[in-house]
PDB file of all heavy atoms in Angstrom:
ATOM      1  N   ASP A   1      79.560   0.287 -96.824  1.00  0.00           N
ATOM      2  CA  ASP A   1      80.524  -0.644 -96.250  1.00  0.00           C
ATOM      3  C   ASP A   1      80.016  -2.081 -96.214  1.00  0.00           C
ATOM      4  O   ASP A   1      80.688  -2.974 -95.712  1.00  0.00           O
ATOM      5  CB  ASP A   1      80.958  -0.195 -94.848  1.00  0.00           C
ATOM      6  CG  ASP A   1      79.803  -0.164 -93.851  1.00  0.00           C
ATOM      7  OD1 ASP A   1      78.670  -0.550 -94.222  1.00  0.00           O
ATOM      8  OD2 ASP A   1      80.036   0.253 -92.704  1.00  0.00           O
ATOM      9  N   ARG A   2      78.808  -2.302 -96.769  1.00  0.00           N
ATOM     10  CA  ARG A   2      78.287  -3.670 -96.900  1.00  0.00           C
ATOM     11  C   ARG A   2      78.072  -4.039 -98.362  1.00  0.00           C
ATOM     12  O   ARG A   2      77.231  -4.860 -98.698  1.00  0.00           O
ATOM     13  CB  ARG A   2      76.987  -3.809 -96.099  1.00  0.00           C
ATOM     14  CG  ARG A   2      77.202  -3.749 -94.586  1.00  0.00           C
ATOM     15  CD  ARG A   2      75.929  -3.898 -93.819  1.00  0.00           C
ATOM     16  NE  ARG A   2      75.041  -2.750 -93.982  1.00  0.00           N
ATOM     17  CZ  ARG A   2      73.844  -2.640 -93.412  1.00  0.00           C
ATOM     18  NH1 ARG A   2      73.398  -3.620 -92.652  1.00  0.00           N
ATOM     19  NH2 ARG A   2      73.104  -1.577 -93.595  1.00  0.00           N
ATOM     20  N   SER A   3      78.874  -3.453 -99.220  1.00  0.00           N
ATOM     21  CA  SER A   3      78.790  -3.739-100.650  1.00  0.00           C
ATOM     22  C   SER A   3      79.510  -5.057-100.951  1.00  0.00           C
ATOM     23  O   SER A   3      80.742  -5.117-100.988  1.00  0.00           O
ATOM     24  CB  SER A   3      79.428  -2.605-101.466  1.00  0.00           C
ATOM     25  OG  SER A   3      79.598  -2.996-102.814  1.00  0.00           O
ATOM     26  N   TYR A   4      78.742  -6.111-101.168  1.00  0.00           N
ATOM     27  CA  TYR A   4      79.370  -7.412-101.420  1.00  0.00           C
ATOM     28  C   TYR A   4      80.140  -7.410-102.749  1.00  0.00           C
ATOM     29  O   TYR A   4      81.183  -8.040-102.857  1.00  0.00           O
ATOM     30  CB  TYR A   4      78.338  -8.543-101.400  1.00  0.00           C
ATOM     31  CG  TYR A   4      77.238  -8.434-102.430  1.00  0.00           C
ATOM     32  CD1 TYR A   4      77.426  -8.902-103.730  1.00  0.00           C
ATOM     33  CD2 TYR A   4      76.005  -7.903-102.096  1.00  0.00           C
ATOM     34  CE1 TYR A   4      76.418  -8.812-104.671  1.00  0.00           C
ATOM     35  CE2 TYR A   4      74.989  -7.815-103.034  1.00  0.00           C
ATOM     36  CZ  TYR A   4      75.201  -8.275-104.314  1.00  0.00           C
ATOM     37  OH  TYR A   4      74.204  -8.181-105.253  1.00  0.00           O
ATOM     38  N   SER A   5      79.628  -6.667-103.746  1.00  0.00           N
ATOM     39  CA  SER A   5      80.365  -6.619-105.013  1.00  0.00           C
ATOM     40  C   SER A   5      81.682  -5.856-104.844  1.00  0.00           C
ATOM     41  O   SER A   5      82.682  -6.165-105.502  1.00  0.00           O
ATOM     42  CB  SER A   5      79.509  -5.984-106.106  1.00  0.00           C
ATOM     43  OG  SER A   5      79.129  -4.668-105.768  1.00  0.00           O
ATOM     44  N   GLY A   6      81.697  -4.859-103.951  1.00  0.00           N
ATOM     45  CA  GLY A   6      82.927  -4.141-103.664  1.00  0.00           C
ATOM     46  C   GLY A   6      83.958  -5.037-102.999  1.00  0.00           C
ATOM     47  O   GLY A   6      85.137  -5.044-103.380  1.00  0.00           O
ATOM     48  N   TYR A   7      83.508  -5.817-102.006  1.00  0.00           N
ATOM     49  CA  TYR A   7      84.426  -6.749-101.342  1.00  0.00           C
ATOM     50  C   TYR A   7      84.912  -7.825-102.306  1.00  0.00           C
ATOM     51  O   TYR A   7      86.080  -8.231-102.284  1.00  0.00           O
ATOM     52  CB  TYR A   7      83.747  -7.400-100.139  1.00  0.00           C
ATOM     53  CG  TYR A   7      83.770  -6.541 -98.900  1.00  0.00           C
ATOM     54  CD1 TYR A   7      82.595  -6.010 -98.374  1.00  0.00           C
ATOM     55  CD2 TYR A   7      84.972  -6.273 -98.232  1.00  0.00           C
ATOM     56  CE1 TYR A   7      82.605  -5.228 -97.233  1.00  0.00           C
ATOM     57  CE2 TYR A   7      84.997  -5.479 -97.086  1.00  0.00           C
ATOM     58  CZ  TYR A   7      83.808  -4.965 -96.589  1.00  0.00           C
ATOM     59  OH  TYR A   7      83.837  -4.180 -95.473  1.00  0.00           O
ATOM     60  N   ALA A   8      84.001  -8.319-103.173  1.00  0.00           N
ATOM     61  CA  ALA A   8      84.402  -9.354-104.144  1.00  0.00           C
ATOM     62  C   ALA A   8      85.473  -8.817-105.088  1.00  0.00           C
ATOM     63  O   ALA A   8      86.486  -9.490-105.346  1.00  0.00           O
ATOM     64  CB  ALA A   8      83.174  -9.813-104.935  1.00  0.00           C
ATOM     65  N   ALA A   9      85.249  -7.604-105.615  1.00  0.00           N
ATOM     66  CA  ALA A   9      86.237  -7.016-106.532  1.00  0.00           C
ATOM     67  C   ALA A   9      87.559  -6.781-105.830  1.00  0.00           C
ATOM     68  O   ALA A   9      88.640  -7.043-106.388  1.00  0.00           O
ATOM     69  CB  ALA A   9      85.699  -5.713-107.103  1.00  0.00           C
ATOM     70  N   LEU A  10      87.493  -6.302-104.577  1.00  0.00           N
ATOM     71  CA  LEU A  10      88.737  -6.078-103.823  1.00  0.00           C
ATOM     72  C   LEU A  10      89.461  -7.408-103.591  1.00  0.00           C
ATOM     73  O   LEU A  10      90.700  -7.471-103.624  1.00  0.00           O
ATOM     74  CB  LEU A  10      88.422  -5.401-102.494  1.00  0.00           C
ATOM     75  CG  LEU A  10      89.621  -4.925-101.673  1.00  0.00           C
ATOM     76  CD1 LEU A  10      90.468  -3.934-102.457  1.00  0.00           C
ATOM     77  CD2 LEU A  10      89.143  -4.298-100.358  1.00  0.00           C
ATOM     78  N   GLY A  11      88.679  -8.481-103.375  1.00  0.00           N
ATOM     79  CA  GLY A  11      89.291  -9.802-103.224  1.00  0.00           C
ATOM     80  C   GLY A  11      90.060 -10.212-104.464  1.00  0.00           C
ATOM     81  O   GLY A  11      91.188 -10.704-104.377  1.00  0.00           O
ATOM     82  N   TRP A  12      89.474  -9.969-105.645  1.00  0.00           N
ATOM     83  CA  TRP A  12      90.175 -10.302-106.899  1.00  0.00           C
ATOM     84  C   TRP A  12      91.415  -9.430-107.088  1.00  0.00           C
ATOM     85  O   TRP A  12      92.461  -9.918-107.530  1.00  0.00           O
ATOM     86  CB  TRP A  12      89.231 -10.115-108.094  1.00  0.00           C
ATOM     87  CG  TRP A  12      88.362 -11.304-108.353  1.00  0.00           C
ATOM     88  CD1 TRP A  12      87.039 -11.441-108.091  1.00  0.00           C
ATOM     89  CD2 TRP A  12      88.770 -12.539-108.956  1.00  0.00           C
ATOM     90  NE1 TRP A  12      86.580 -12.677-108.468  1.00  0.00           N
ATOM     91  CE2 TRP A  12      87.621 -13.368-109.027  1.00  0.00           C
ATOM     92  CE3 TRP A  12      89.978 -13.020-109.450  1.00  0.00           C
ATOM     93  CZ2 TRP A  12      87.666 -14.656-109.561  1.00  0.00           C
ATOM     94  CZ3 TRP A  12      90.026 -14.307-109.984  1.00  0.00           C
ATOM     95  CH2 TRP A  12      88.875 -15.106-110.031  1.00  0.00           C
ATOM     96  N   VAL A  13      91.300  -8.146-106.760  1.00  0.00           N
ATOM     97  CA  VAL A  13      92.472  -7.264-106.864  1.00  0.00           C
ATOM     98  C   VAL A  13      93.607  -7.805-105.996  1.00  0.00           C
ATOM     99  O   VAL A  13      94.769  -7.891-106.422  1.00  0.00           O
ATOM    100  CB  VAL A  13      92.098  -5.824-106.452  1.00  0.00           C
ATOM    101  CG1 VAL A  13      93.365  -4.978-106.260  1.00  0.00           C
ATOM    102  CG2 VAL A  13      91.192  -5.188-107.486  1.00  0.00           C
ATOM    103  N   ARG A  14      93.277  -8.183-104.773  1.00  0.00           N
ATOM    104  CA  ARG A  14      94.302  -8.700-103.859  1.00  0.00           C
ATOM    105  C   ARG A  14      94.856 -10.044-104.349  1.00  0.00           C
ATOM    106  O   ARG A  14      96.046 -10.322-104.193  1.00  0.00           O
ATOM    107  CB  ARG A  14      93.711  -8.839-102.450  1.00  0.00           C
ATOM    108  CG  ARG A  14      93.495  -7.472-101.796  1.00  0.00           C
ATOM    109  CD  ARG A  14      92.742  -7.568-100.492  1.00  0.00           C
ATOM    110  NE  ARG A  14      92.830  -6.313 -99.750  1.00  0.00           N
ATOM    111  CZ  ARG A  14      92.119  -6.023 -98.679  1.00  0.00           C
ATOM    112  NH1 ARG A  14      91.222  -6.898 -98.202  1.00  0.00           N
ATOM    113  NH2 ARG A  14      92.281  -4.877 -98.063  1.00  0.00           N
ATOM    114  N   LEU A  15      93.993 -10.862-104.924  1.00  0.00           N
ATOM    115  CA  LEU A  15      94.440 -12.144-105.472  1.00  0.00           C
ATOM    116  C   LEU A  15      95.440 -11.913-106.595  1.00  0.00           C
ATOM    117  O   LEU A  15      96.507 -12.537-106.644  1.00  0.00           O
ATOM    118  CB  LEU A  15      93.229 -12.922-105.984  1.00  0.00           C
ATOM    119  CG  LEU A  15      93.344 -14.447-106.073  1.00  0.00           C
ATOM    120  CD1 LEU A  15      93.508 -15.069-104.689  1.00  0.00           C
ATOM    121  CD2 LEU A  15      92.100 -15.025-106.745  1.00  0.00           C
ATOM    122  N   PHE A  16      95.095 -10.997-107.509  1.00  0.00           N
ATOM    123  CA  PHE A  16      95.954 -10.739-108.661  1.00  0.00           C
ATOM    124  C   PHE A  16      97.256 -10.043-108.283  1.00  0.00           C
ATOM    125  O   PHE A  16      98.217 -10.045-109.059  1.00  0.00           O
ATOM    126  CB  PHE A  16      95.208  -9.891-109.694  1.00  0.00           C
ATOM    127  CG  PHE A  16      94.222 -10.674-110.520  1.00  0.00           C
ATOM    128  CD1 PHE A  16      93.000 -10.117-110.848  1.00  0.00           C
ATOM    129  CD2 PHE A  16      94.509 -11.947-110.982  1.00  0.00           C
ATOM    130  CE1 PHE A  16      92.075 -10.818-111.622  1.00  0.00           C
ATOM    131  CE2 PHE A  16      93.599 -12.654-111.745  1.00  0.00           C
ATOM    132  CZ  PHE A  16      92.387 -12.095-112.075  1.00  0.00           C
ATOM    133  N   THR A  17      97.280  -9.406-107.117  1.00  0.00           N
ATOM    134  CA  THR A  17      98.513  -8.745-106.665  1.00  0.00           C
ATOM    135  C   THR A  17      99.208  -9.573-105.584  1.00  0.00           C
ATOM    136  O   THR A  17     100.021  -9.063-104.838  1.00  0.00           O
ATOM    137  CB  THR A  17      98.215  -7.319-106.168  1.00  0.00           C
ATOM    138  OG1 THR A  17      97.172  -7.355-105.191  1.00  0.00           O
ATOM    139  CG2 THR A  17      97.775  -6.426-107.311  1.00  0.00           C
ATOM    140  N   TRP A  18      98.855 -10.844-105.515  1.00  0.00           N
ATOM    141  CA  TRP A  18      99.523 -11.844-104.688  1.00  0.00           C
ATOM    142  C   TRP A  18      99.352 -11.604-103.178  1.00  0.00           C
ATOM    143  O   TRP A  18     100.126 -12.123-102.383  1.00  0.00           O
ATOM    144  CB  TRP A  18     101.004 -11.948-105.056  1.00  0.00           C
ATOM    145  CG  TRP A  18     101.237 -12.367-106.483  1.00  0.00           C
ATOM    146  CD1 TRP A  18     100.940 -11.634-107.601  1.00  0.00           C
ATOM    147  CD2 TRP A  18     101.770 -13.595-106.960  1.00  0.00           C
ATOM    148  NE1 TRP A  18     101.256 -12.321-108.743  1.00  0.00           N
ATOM    149  CE2 TRP A  18     101.787 -13.534-108.386  1.00  0.00           C
ATOM    150  CE3 TRP A  18     102.262 -14.741-106.337  1.00  0.00           C
ATOM    151  CZ2 TRP A  18     102.261 -14.579-109.169  1.00  0.00           C
ATOM    152  CZ3 TRP A  18     102.737 -15.764-107.127  1.00  0.00           C
ATOM    153  CH2 TRP A  18     102.740 -15.689-108.529  1.00  0.00           C
ATOM    154  N   ASP A  19      98.356 -10.831-102.794  1.00  0.00           N
ATOM    155  CA  ASP A  19      98.035 -10.671-101.375  1.00  0.00           C
ATOM    156  C   ASP A  19      96.956 -11.707-101.041  1.00  0.00           C
ATOM    157  O   ASP A  19      95.787 -11.390-100.895  1.00  0.00           O
ATOM    158  CB  ASP A  19      97.521  -9.252-101.094  1.00  0.00           C
ATOM    159  CG  ASP A  19      97.066  -9.060 -99.644  1.00  0.00           C
ATOM    160  OD1 ASP A  19      97.342  -9.949 -98.811  1.00  0.00           O
ATOM    161  OD2 ASP A  19      96.419  -8.028 -99.373  1.00  0.00           O
ATOM    162  N   TRP A  20      97.360 -12.964-100.927  1.00  0.00           N
ATOM    163  CA  TRP A  20      96.368 -14.028-100.780  1.00  0.00           C
ATOM    164  C   TRP A  20      95.654 -14.013 -99.425  1.00  0.00           C
ATOM    165  O   TRP A  20      94.446 -14.251 -99.386  1.00  0.00           O
ATOM    166  CB  TRP A  20      97.030 -15.371-101.066  1.00  0.00           C
ATOM    167  CG  TRP A  20      97.407 -15.487-102.523  1.00  0.00           C
ATOM    168  CD1 TRP A  20      96.993 -14.655-103.534  1.00  0.00           C
ATOM    169  CD2 TRP A  20      98.273 -16.437-103.140  1.00  0.00           C
ATOM    170  NE1 TRP A  20      97.548 -15.038-104.737  1.00  0.00           N
ATOM    171  CE2 TRP A  20      98.333 -16.128-104.529  1.00  0.00           C
ATOM    172  CE3 TRP A  20      98.999 -17.523-102.667  1.00  0.00           C
ATOM    173  CZ2 TRP A  20      99.089 -16.878-105.425  1.00  0.00           C
ATOM    174  CZ3 TRP A  20      99.761 -18.266-103.557  1.00  0.00           C
ATOM    175  CH2 TRP A  20      99.797 -17.960-104.910  1.00  0.00           C
ATOM    176  N   PRO A  21      96.335 -13.740 -98.302  1.00  0.00           N
ATOM    177  CA  PRO A  21      95.579 -13.627 -97.045  1.00  0.00           C
ATOM    178  C   PRO A  21      94.519 -12.517 -97.110  1.00  0.00           C
ATOM    179  O   PRO A  21      93.383 -12.712 -96.663  1.00  0.00           O
ATOM    180  CB  PRO A  21      96.660 -13.312 -96.001  1.00  0.00           C
ATOM    181  CG  PRO A  21      97.925 -13.862 -96.589  1.00  0.00           C
ATOM    182  CD  PRO A  21      97.801 -13.638 -98.067  1.00  0.00           C
ATOM    183  N   GLY A  22      94.896 -11.361 -97.682  1.00  0.00           N
ATOM    184  CA  GLY A  22      93.924 -10.273 -97.822  1.00  0.00           C
ATOM    185  C   GLY A  22      92.783 -10.648 -98.745  1.00  0.00           C
ATOM    186  O   GLY A  22      91.622 -10.299 -98.502  1.00  0.00           O
ATOM    187  N   ALA A  23      93.096 -11.394 -99.817  1.00  0.00           N
ATOM    188  CA  ALA A  23      92.059 -11.837-100.737  1.00  0.00           C
ATOM    189  C   ALA A  23      91.070 -12.742-100.026  1.00  0.00           C
ATOM    190  O   ALA A  23      89.845 -12.597-100.181  1.00  0.00           O
ATOM    191  CB  ALA A  23      92.685 -12.568-101.924  1.00  0.00           C
ATOM    192  N   GLY A  24      91.568 -13.681 -99.241  1.00  0.00           N
ATOM    193  CA  GLY A  24      90.685 -14.577 -98.508  1.00  0.00           C
ATOM    194  C   GLY A  24      89.751 -13.826 -97.584  1.00  0.00           C
ATOM    195  O   GLY A  24      88.552 -14.129 -97.515  1.00  0.00           O
ATOM    196  N   GLN A  25      90.272 -12.823 -96.893  1.00  0.00           N
ATOM    197  CA  GLN A  25      89.432 -12.022 -95.990  1.00  0.00           C
ATOM    198  C   GLN A  25      88.342 -11.277 -96.753  1.00  0.00           C
ATOM    199  O   GLN A  25      87.179 -11.241 -96.328  1.00  0.00           O
ATOM    200  CB  GLN A  25      90.305 -11.038 -95.214  1.00  0.00           C
ATOM    201  CG  GLN A  25      91.253 -11.698 -94.235  1.00  0.00           C
ATOM    202  CD  GLN A  25      92.242 -10.710 -93.626  1.00  0.00           C
ATOM    203  OE1 GLN A  25      92.139  -9.498 -93.837  1.00  0.00           O
ATOM    204  NE2 GLN A  25      93.219 -11.230 -92.906  1.00  0.00           N
ATOM    205  N   SER A  26      88.698 -10.703 -97.900  1.00  0.00           N
ATOM    206  CA  SER A  26      87.722  -9.945 -98.686  1.00  0.00           C
ATOM    207  C   SER A  26      86.628 -10.866 -99.222  1.00  0.00           C
ATOM    208  O   SER A  26      85.434 -10.529 -99.179  1.00  0.00           O
ATOM    209  CB  SER A  26      88.406  -9.229 -99.844  1.00  0.00           C
ATOM    210  OG  SER A  26      89.295  -8.242 -99.382  1.00  0.00           O
ATOM    211  N   PHE A  27      87.016 -12.030 -99.748  1.00  0.00           N
ATOM    212  CA  PHE A  27      86.023 -12.961-100.276  1.00  0.00           C
ATOM    213  C   PHE A  27      85.098 -13.475 -99.166  1.00  0.00           C
ATOM    214  O   PHE A  27      83.890 -13.617 -99.376  1.00  0.00           O
ATOM    215  CB  PHE A  27      86.697 -14.128-100.980  1.00  0.00           C
ATOM    216  CG  PHE A  27      87.341 -13.767-102.295  1.00  0.00           C
ATOM    217  CD1 PHE A  27      88.625 -14.179-102.590  1.00  0.00           C
ATOM    218  CD2 PHE A  27      86.647 -13.024-103.241  1.00  0.00           C
ATOM    219  CE1 PHE A  27      89.217 -13.852-103.809  1.00  0.00           C
ATOM    220  CE2 PHE A  27      87.231 -12.683-104.457  1.00  0.00           C
ATOM    221  CZ  PHE A  27      88.520 -13.107-104.733  1.00  0.00           C
ATOM    222  N   GLU A  28      85.661 -13.763 -98.002  1.00  0.00           N
ATOM    223  CA  GLU A  28      84.833 -14.265 -96.900  1.00  0.00           C
ATOM    224  C   GLU A  28      83.839 -13.208 -96.440  1.00  0.00           C
ATOM    225  O   GLU A  28      82.692 -13.534 -96.111  1.00  0.00           O
ATOM    226  CB  GLU A  28      85.736 -14.722 -95.760  1.00  0.00           C
ATOM    227  CG  GLU A  28      86.436 -16.051 -96.077  1.00  0.00           C
ATOM    228  CD  GLU A  28      87.593 -16.358 -95.146  1.00  0.00           C
ATOM    229  OE1 GLU A  28      87.823 -15.569 -94.198  1.00  0.00           O
ATOM    230  OE2 GLU A  28      88.270 -17.384 -95.361  1.00  0.00           O
ATOM    231  N   GLU A  29      84.242 -11.942 -96.434  1.00  0.00           N
ATOM    232  CA  GLU A  29      83.307 -10.875 -96.074  1.00  0.00           C
ATOM    233  C   GLU A  29      82.229 -10.733 -97.141  1.00  0.00           C
ATOM    234  O   GLU A  29      81.049 -10.541 -96.823  1.00  0.00           O
ATOM    235  CB  GLU A  29      84.056  -9.558 -95.894  1.00  0.00           C
ATOM    236  CG  GLU A  29      83.175  -8.386 -95.466  1.00  0.00           C
ATOM    237  CD  GLU A  29      82.518  -8.586 -94.115  1.00  0.00           C
ATOM    238  OE1 GLU A  29      82.942  -9.475 -93.339  1.00  0.00           O
ATOM    239  OE2 GLU A  29      81.545  -7.842 -93.824  1.00  0.00           O
ATOM    240  N   ALA A  30      82.610 -10.827 -98.415  1.00  0.00           N
ATOM    241  CA  ALA A  30      81.610 -10.752 -99.488  1.00  0.00           C
ATOM    242  C   ALA A  30      80.612 -11.887 -99.376  1.00  0.00           C
ATOM    243  O   ALA A  30      79.400 -11.685 -99.564  1.00  0.00           O
ATOM    244  CB  ALA A  30      82.321 -10.783-100.844  1.00  0.00           C
ATOM    245  N   LEU A  31      81.080 -13.089 -99.049  1.00  0.00           N
ATOM    246  CA  LEU A  31      80.178 -14.234 -98.917  1.00  0.00           C
ATOM    247  C   LEU A  31      79.295 -14.109 -97.689  1.00  0.00           C
ATOM    248  O   LEU A  31      78.149 -14.591 -97.694  1.00  0.00           O
ATOM    249  CB  LEU A  31      80.992 -15.530 -98.841  1.00  0.00           C
ATOM    250  CG  LEU A  31      81.640 -15.981-100.157  1.00  0.00           C
ATOM    251  CD1 LEU A  31      82.574 -17.156 -99.923  1.00  0.00           C
ATOM    252  CD2 LEU A  31      80.579 -16.338-101.185  1.00  0.00           C
ATOM    253  N   ARG A  32      79.787 -13.464 -96.659  1.00  0.00           N
ATOM    254  CA  ARG A  32      78.942 -13.222 -95.483  1.00  0.00           C
ATOM    255  C   ARG A  32      77.776 -12.316 -95.849  1.00  0.00           C
ATOM    256  O   ARG A  32      76.645 -12.505 -95.385  1.00  0.00           O
ATOM    257  CB  ARG A  32      79.772 -12.596 -94.362  1.00  0.00           C
ATOM    258  CG  ARG A  32      79.038 -12.479 -93.022  1.00  0.00           C
ATOM    259  CD  ARG A  32      79.935 -11.892 -91.970  1.00  0.00           C
ATOM    260  NE  ARG A  32      80.153 -10.466 -92.159  1.00  0.00           N
ATOM    261  CZ  ARG A  32      79.328  -9.515 -91.692  1.00  0.00           C
ATOM    262  NH1 ARG A  32      78.236  -9.834 -91.036  1.00  0.00           N
ATOM    263  NH2 ARG A  32      79.620  -8.251 -91.888  1.00  0.00           N
ATOM    264  N   LEU A  33      78.043 -11.342 -96.692  1.00  0.00           N
ATOM    265  CA  LEU A  33      77.008 -10.395 -97.111  1.00  0.00           C
ATOM    266  C   LEU A  33      76.078 -10.988 -98.167  1.00  0.00           C
ATOM    267  O   LEU A  33      74.891 -10.678 -98.205  1.00  0.00           O
ATOM    268  CB  LEU A  33      77.660  -9.123 -97.649  1.00  0.00           C
ATOM    269  CG  LEU A  33      78.421  -8.290 -96.618  1.00  0.00           C
ATOM    270  CD1 LEU A  33      79.339  -7.294 -97.297  1.00  0.00           C
ATOM    271  CD2 LEU A  33      77.442  -7.578 -95.686  1.00  0.00           C
ATOM    272  N   ASN A  34      76.635 -11.788 -99.058  1.00  0.00           N
ATOM    273  CA  ASN A  34      75.832 -12.421-100.110  1.00  0.00           C
ATOM    274  C   ASN A  34      76.469 -13.751-100.482  1.00  0.00           C
ATOM    275  O   ASN A  34      77.419 -13.793-101.262  1.00  0.00           O
ATOM    276  CB  ASN A  34      75.734 -11.522-101.338  1.00  0.00           C
ATOM    277  CG  ASN A  34      74.841 -12.122-102.419  1.00  0.00           C
ATOM    278  OD1 ASN A  34      74.407 -13.260-102.326  1.00  0.00           O
ATOM    279  ND2 ASN A  34      74.582 -11.349-103.452  1.00  0.00           N
ATOM    280  N   PRO A  35      75.960 -14.857 -99.931  1.00  0.00           N
ATOM    281  CA  PRO A  35      76.588 -16.170-100.191  1.00  0.00           C
ATOM    282  C   PRO A  35      76.316 -16.719-101.577  1.00  0.00           C
ATOM    283  O   PRO A  35      76.815 -17.787-101.911  1.00  0.00           O
ATOM    284  CB  PRO A  35      75.949 -17.064 -99.116  1.00  0.00           C
ATOM    285  CG  PRO A  35      74.636 -16.427 -98.812  1.00  0.00           C
ATOM    286  CD  PRO A  35      74.851 -14.950 -98.972  1.00  0.00           C
ATOM    287  N   ASN A  36      75.557 -16.003-102.411  1.00  0.00           N
ATOM    288  CA  ASN A  36      75.150 -16.522-103.718  1.00  0.00           C
ATOM    289  C   ASN A  36      75.741 -15.753-104.898  1.00  0.00           C
ATOM    290  O   ASN A  36      75.243 -15.875-106.017  1.00  0.00           O
ATOM    291  CB  ASN A  36      73.620 -16.505-103.835  1.00  0.00           C
ATOM    292  CG  ASN A  36      72.967 -17.375-102.789  1.00  0.00           C
ATOM    293  OD1 ASN A  36      73.518 -18.390-102.385  1.00  0.00           O
ATOM    294  ND2 ASN A  36      71.785 -16.983-102.340  1.00  0.00           N
ATOM    295  N   HIS A  37      76.784 -14.956-104.664  1.00  0.00           N
ATOM    296  CA  HIS A  37      77.338 -14.105-105.713  1.00  0.00           C
ATOM    297  C   HIS A  37      78.386 -14.883-106.492  1.00  0.00           C
ATOM    298  O   HIS A  37      79.426 -15.294-105.941  1.00  0.00           O
ATOM    299  CB  HIS A  37      77.955 -12.860-105.060  1.00  0.00           C
ATOM    300  CG  HIS A  37      78.411 -11.831-106.027  1.00  0.00           C
ATOM    301  ND1 HIS A  37      79.619 -11.175-105.907  1.00  0.00           N
ATOM    302  CD2 HIS A  37      77.843 -11.343-107.162  1.00  0.00           C
ATOM    303  CE1 HIS A  37      79.762 -10.321-106.894  1.00  0.00           C
ATOM    304  NE2 HIS A  37      78.698 -10.406-107.677  1.00  0.00           N
ATOM    305  N   ALA A  38      78.161 -15.094-107.808  1.00  0.00           N
ATOM    306  CA  ALA A  38      79.023 -15.965-108.605  1.00  0.00           C
ATOM    307  C   ALA A  38      80.462 -15.477-108.646  1.00  0.00           C
ATOM    308  O   ALA A  38      81.408 -16.272-108.546  1.00  0.00           O
ATOM    309  CB  ALA A  38      78.463 -16.085-110.012  1.00  0.00           C
ATOM    310  N   MET A  39      80.658 -14.183-108.802  1.00  0.00           N
ATOM    311  CA  MET A  39      82.018 -13.645-108.901  1.00  0.00           C
ATOM    312  C   MET A  39      82.791 -13.894-107.600  1.00  0.00           C
ATOM    313  O   MET A  39      83.991 -14.176-107.613  1.00  0.00           O
ATOM    314  CB  MET A  39      81.960 -12.150-109.205  1.00  0.00           C
ATOM    315  CG  MET A  39      83.318 -11.518-109.438  1.00  0.00           C
ATOM    316  SD  MET A  39      83.132  -9.779-109.901  1.00  0.00           S
ATOM    317  CE  MET A  39      84.845  -9.276-109.979  1.00  0.00           C
ATOM    318  N   THR A  40      82.097 -13.809-106.458  1.00  0.00           N
ATOM    319  CA  THR A  40      82.742 -14.072-105.178  1.00  0.00           C
ATOM    320  C   THR A  40      83.096 -15.545-105.044  1.00  0.00           C
ATOM    321  O   THR A  40      84.202 -15.904-104.631  1.00  0.00           O
ATOM    322  CB  THR A  40      81.823 -13.660-104.014  1.00  0.00           C
ATOM    323  OG1 THR A  40      81.405 -12.308-104.181  1.00  0.00           O
ATOM    324  CG2 THR A  40      82.538 -13.799-102.690  1.00  0.00           C
ATOM    325  N   LEU A  41      82.142 -16.408-105.382  1.00  0.00           N
ATOM    326  CA  LEU A  41      82.378 -17.844-105.261  1.00  0.00           C
ATOM    327  C   LEU A  41      83.536 -18.288-106.153  1.00  0.00           C
ATOM    328  O   LEU A  41      84.355 -19.117-105.747  1.00  0.00           O
ATOM    329  CB  LEU A  41      81.096 -18.604-105.617  1.00  0.00           C
ATOM    330  CG  LEU A  41      79.966 -18.489-104.588  1.00  0.00           C
ATOM    331  CD1 LEU A  41      78.645 -18.951-105.192  1.00  0.00           C
ATOM    332  CD2 LEU A  41      80.289 -19.292-103.328  1.00  0.00           C
ATOM    333  N   HIS A  42      83.623 -17.721-107.355  1.00  0.00           N
ATOM    334  CA  HIS A  42      84.718 -18.044-108.267  1.00  0.00           C
ATOM    335  C   HIS A  42      86.055 -17.587-107.664  1.00  0.00           C
ATOM    336  O   HIS A  42      87.040 -18.336-107.634  1.00  0.00           O
ATOM    337  CB  HIS A  42      84.475 -17.372-109.618  1.00  0.00           C
ATOM    338  CG  HIS A  42      85.528 -17.667-110.640  1.00  0.00           C
ATOM    339  ND1 HIS A  42      85.558 -17.040-111.874  1.00  0.00           N
ATOM    340  CD2 HIS A  42      86.613 -18.474-110.616  1.00  0.00           C
ATOM    341  CE1 HIS A  42      86.595 -17.478-112.552  1.00  0.00           C
ATOM    342  NE2 HIS A  42      87.251 -18.342-111.821  1.00  0.00           N
ATOM    343  N   GLY A  43      86.088 -16.346-107.175  1.00  0.00           N
ATOM    344  CA  GLY A  43      87.324 -15.833-106.592  1.00  0.00           C
ATOM    345  C   GLY A  43      87.752 -16.614-105.371  1.00  0.00           C
ATOM    346  O   GLY A  43      88.937 -16.924-105.192  1.00  0.00           O
TER     347      GLY A  43
END
């Protein structure tokens, strides 16, 4: 449950399916776990 790559990927899934509030929450959790992950920062 602390997989930053899992949260980052879920953020992109939510972004692509137009769930932008959910995407923001997923990306923020991924950045909390790993603030240096390129895929998260891009998303």
